[in-house]
Amino acid sequence: MITTSTLAISTDFAPRWLAIIGYVLALLLLIGSYYLSWSFVVFPFWVFLISFYLLRENVGQTESVRKAGP
């Protein structure tokens, strides 16, 4: 999660707010996973957020490319 968030900031494939959420969730996993019983849901939630954002962005680009195509 930390690596993905760092790449999101440096390459702009995802917005900065999503990368910051990734850092916060990674910190939560590193520190609080022993104390919080629901922490096993954090990583799948992070994957869902990134996947949903990328899917939403690519679907919008695909439709515009199809309309502008030959």
N, C-alpha and C. Protein backbone atom coordinates (compact mmCIF):
# COMPACT_ATOMS: atom_id res chain seq x y z
N MET A 1 0.82 -1.18 0.00
CA MET A 1 0.00 0.00 0.00
C MET A 1 0.87 1.25 0.00
N ILE A 2 1.98 1.20 0.70
CA ILE A 2 2.86 2.35 0.74
C ILE A 2 3.50 2.57 -0.63
N THR A 3 3.92 1.48 -1.26
CA THR A 3 4.53 1.59 -2.58
C THR A 3 3.53 2.09 -3.61
N THR A 4 2.33 1.58 -3.58
CA THR A 4 1.30 2.01 -4.51
C THR A 4 0.96 3.48 -4.31
N SER A 5 0.88 3.91 -3.07
CA SER A 5 0.59 5.31 -2.79
C SER A 5 1.72 6.21 -3.26
N THR A 6 2.94 5.78 -3.08
CA THR A 6 4.08 6.56 -3.55
C THR A 6 4.08 6.66 -5.07
N LEU A 7 3.79 5.55 -5.74
CA LEU A 7 3.70 5.58 -7.20
C LEU A 7 2.54 6.43 -7.68
N ALA A 8 1.45 6.42 -6.95
CA ALA A 8 0.29 7.24 -7.32
C ALA A 8 0.63 8.72 -7.26
N ILE A 9 1.42 9.11 -6.28
CA ILE A 9 1.81 10.51 -6.17
C ILE A 9 2.84 10.87 -7.24
N SER A 10 3.80 10.01 -7.48
CA SER A 10 4.87 10.37 -8.42
C SER A 10 4.45 10.27 -9.88
N THR A 11 3.54 9.36 -10.22
CA THR A 11 3.13 9.20 -11.62
C THR A 11 1.75 9.75 -11.93
N ASP A 12 1.01 10.14 -10.94
CA ASP A 12 -0.34 10.70 -11.10
C ASP A 12 -1.33 9.75 -11.78
N PHE A 13 -1.21 8.46 -11.52
CA PHE A 13 -2.22 7.55 -12.07
C PHE A 13 -3.47 7.51 -11.21
N ALA A 14 -3.37 8.08 -10.02
CA ALA A 14 -4.51 8.20 -9.12
C ALA A 14 -4.40 9.56 -8.43
N PRO A 15 -5.50 10.09 -7.95
CA PRO A 15 -5.43 11.41 -7.31
C PRO A 15 -4.66 11.36 -5.98
N ARG A 16 -4.18 12.52 -5.57
CA ARG A 16 -3.37 12.62 -4.36
C ARG A 16 -4.17 12.21 -3.12
N TRP A 17 -5.47 12.52 -3.08
CA TRP A 17 -6.26 12.18 -1.89
C TRP A 17 -6.36 10.66 -1.73
N LEU A 18 -6.38 9.93 -2.84
CA LEU A 18 -6.43 8.48 -2.76
C LEU A 18 -5.10 7.91 -2.27
N ALA A 19 -4.01 8.54 -2.67
CA ALA A 19 -2.70 8.11 -2.18
C ALA A 19 -2.55 8.38 -0.68
N ILE A 20 -3.06 9.51 -0.23
CA ILE A 20 -2.99 9.82 1.20
C ILE A 20 -3.83 8.83 2.01
N ILE A 21 -4.99 8.46 1.49
CA ILE A 21 -5.79 7.43 2.15
C ILE A 21 -5.02 6.12 2.22
N GLY A 22 -4.27 5.81 1.18
CA GLY A 22 -3.44 4.61 1.18
C GLY A 22 -2.38 4.65 2.26
N TYR A 23 -1.73 5.80 2.44
CA TYR A 23 -0.74 5.94 3.51
C TYR A 23 -1.39 5.76 4.89
N VAL A 24 -2.55 6.36 5.08
CA VAL A 24 -3.24 6.26 6.38
C VAL A 24 -3.65 4.82 6.67
N LEU A 25 -4.18 4.15 5.65
CA LEU A 25 -4.59 2.76 5.85
C LEU A 25 -3.39 1.85 6.09
N ALA A 26 -2.28 2.13 5.41
CA ALA A 26 -1.06 1.33 5.64
C ALA A 26 -0.55 1.53 7.06
N LEU A 27 -0.60 2.75 7.54
CA LEU A 27 -0.19 3.02 8.92
C LEU A 27 -1.11 2.31 9.90
N LEU A 28 -2.40 2.30 9.59
CA LEU A 28 -3.36 1.59 10.44
C LEU A 28 -3.04 0.10 10.48
N LEU A 29 -2.68 -0.47 9.34
CA LEU A 29 -2.33 -1.89 9.32
C LEU A 29 -1.03 -2.18 10.07
N LEU A 30 -0.06 -1.29 9.92
CA LEU A 30 1.22 -1.51 10.58
C LEU A 30 1.11 -1.40 12.10
N ILE A 31 0.36 -0.43 12.56
CA ILE A 31 0.31 -0.18 14.00
C ILE A 31 -0.87 -0.87 14.67
N GLY A 32 -2.04 -0.79 14.06
CA GLY A 32 -3.24 -1.23 14.76
C GLY A 32 -3.75 -2.61 14.44
N SER A 33 -3.06 -3.37 13.62
CA SER A 33 -3.60 -4.67 13.23
C SER A 33 -3.68 -5.65 14.41
N TYR A 34 -2.84 -5.45 15.40
CA TYR A 34 -2.88 -6.33 16.57
C TYR A 34 -4.06 -5.98 17.48
N TYR A 35 -4.42 -4.71 17.51
CA TYR A 35 -5.45 -4.24 18.43
C TYR A 35 -6.85 -4.19 17.83
N LEU A 36 -6.94 -4.11 16.53
CA LEU A 36 -8.24 -3.98 15.86
C LEU A 36 -8.59 -5.28 15.16
N SER A 37 -9.70 -5.86 15.55
CA SER A 37 -10.08 -7.15 14.97
C SER A 37 -10.60 -7.02 13.54
N TRP A 38 -11.03 -5.84 13.13
CA TRP A 38 -11.57 -5.64 11.79
C TRP A 38 -10.51 -5.18 10.79
N SER A 39 -9.25 -5.18 11.18
CA SER A 39 -8.21 -4.66 10.29
C SER A 39 -7.96 -5.53 9.06
N PHE A 40 -8.45 -6.76 9.08
CA PHE A 40 -8.28 -7.63 7.91
C PHE A 40 -9.07 -7.12 6.70
N VAL A 41 -9.99 -6.20 6.91
CA VAL A 41 -10.81 -5.66 5.83
C VAL A 41 -10.14 -4.46 5.16
N VAL A 42 -9.10 -3.93 5.76
CA VAL A 42 -8.48 -2.70 5.27
C VAL A 42 -7.85 -2.90 3.90
N PHE A 43 -7.08 -3.93 3.71
CA PHE A 43 -6.42 -4.14 2.42
C PHE A 43 -7.42 -4.40 1.29
N PRO A 44 -8.42 -5.28 1.46
CA PRO A 44 -9.40 -5.43 0.37
C PRO A 44 -10.15 -4.13 0.07
N PHE A 45 -10.41 -3.32 1.09
CA PHE A 45 -11.05 -2.03 0.87
C PHE A 45 -10.16 -1.12 0.03
N TRP A 46 -8.87 -1.12 0.31
CA TRP A 46 -7.92 -0.32 -0.46
C TRP A 46 -7.86 -0.78 -1.92
N VAL A 47 -7.82 -2.07 -2.13
CA VAL A 47 -7.81 -2.62 -3.49
C VAL A 47 -9.09 -2.24 -4.22
N PHE A 48 -10.22 -2.29 -3.53
CA PHE A 48 -11.49 -1.89 -4.13
C PHE A 48 -11.48 -0.43 -4.53
N LEU A 49 -10.96 0.45 -3.67
CA LEU A 49 -10.91 1.88 -3.98
C LEU A 49 -10.06 2.15 -5.22
N ILE A 50 -8.87 1.59 -5.26
CA ILE A 50 -7.99 1.80 -6.41
C ILE A 50 -8.61 1.22 -7.68
N SER A 51 -9.15 0.02 -7.58
CA SER A 51 -9.74 -0.63 -8.76
C SER A 51 -10.94 0.13 -9.28
N PHE A 52 -11.79 0.59 -8.38
CA PHE A 52 -12.97 1.35 -8.79
C PHE A 52 -12.57 2.65 -9.47
N TYR A 53 -11.58 3.34 -8.91
CA TYR A 53 -11.14 4.59 -9.52
C TYR A 53 -10.56 4.34 -10.92
N LEU A 54 -9.69 3.35 -11.05
CA LEU A 54 -9.08 3.07 -12.35
C LEU A 54 -10.11 2.61 -13.37
N LEU A 55 -11.05 1.80 -12.95
CA LEU A 55 -12.11 1.36 -13.86
C LEU A 55 -12.97 2.52 -14.32
N ARG A 56 -13.32 3.39 -13.39
CA ARG A 56 -14.17 4.54 -13.73
C ARG A 56 -13.43 5.47 -14.70
N GLU A 57 -12.16 5.69 -14.47
CA GLU A 57 -11.38 6.55 -15.35
C GLU A 57 -11.21 5.94 -16.73
N ASN A 58 -10.95 4.64 -16.82
CA ASN A 58 -10.74 3.99 -18.11
C ASN A 58 -12.01 3.84 -18.91
N VAL A 59 -13.13 3.64 -18.26
CA VAL A 59 -14.39 3.53 -18.99
C VAL A 59 -14.72 4.86 -19.64
N GLY A 60 -14.49 5.95 -18.95
CA GLY A 60 -14.73 7.26 -19.53
C GLY A 60 -13.82 7.55 -20.71
N GLN A 61 -12.57 7.13 -20.66
CA GLN A 61 -11.64 7.36 -21.76
C GLN A 61 -11.96 6.48 -22.95
N THR A 62 -12.40 5.27 -22.70
CA THR A 62 -12.71 4.36 -23.80
C THR A 62 -13.88 4.88 -24.62
N GLU A 63 -14.90 5.41 -23.96
CA GLU A 63 -16.05 5.93 -24.69
C GLU A 63 -15.67 7.15 -25.52
N SER A 64 -14.82 8.02 -25.00
CA SER A 64 -14.42 9.19 -25.76
C SER A 64 -13.53 8.81 -26.92
N VAL A 65 -12.70 7.77 -26.76
CA VAL A 65 -11.86 7.30 -27.87
C VAL A 65 -12.72 6.67 -28.94
N ARG A 66 -13.74 5.93 -28.56
CA ARG A 66 -14.63 5.32 -29.56
C ARG A 66 -15.37 6.38 -30.36
N LYS A 67 -15.80 7.44 -29.71
CA LYS A 67 -16.52 8.50 -30.43
C LYS A 67 -15.59 9.26 -31.37
N ALA A 68 -14.34 9.42 -30.98
CA ALA A 68 -13.40 10.17 -31.81
C ALA A 68 -12.73 9.30 -32.86
N GLY A 69 -12.90 8.00 -32.76
CA GLY A 69 -12.26 7.07 -33.69
C GLY A 69 -12.81 7.16 -35.10
N PRO A 70 -12.24 6.37 -36.04
CA PRO A 70 -12.65 6.45 -37.47
C PRO A 70 -14.03 5.94 -37.75
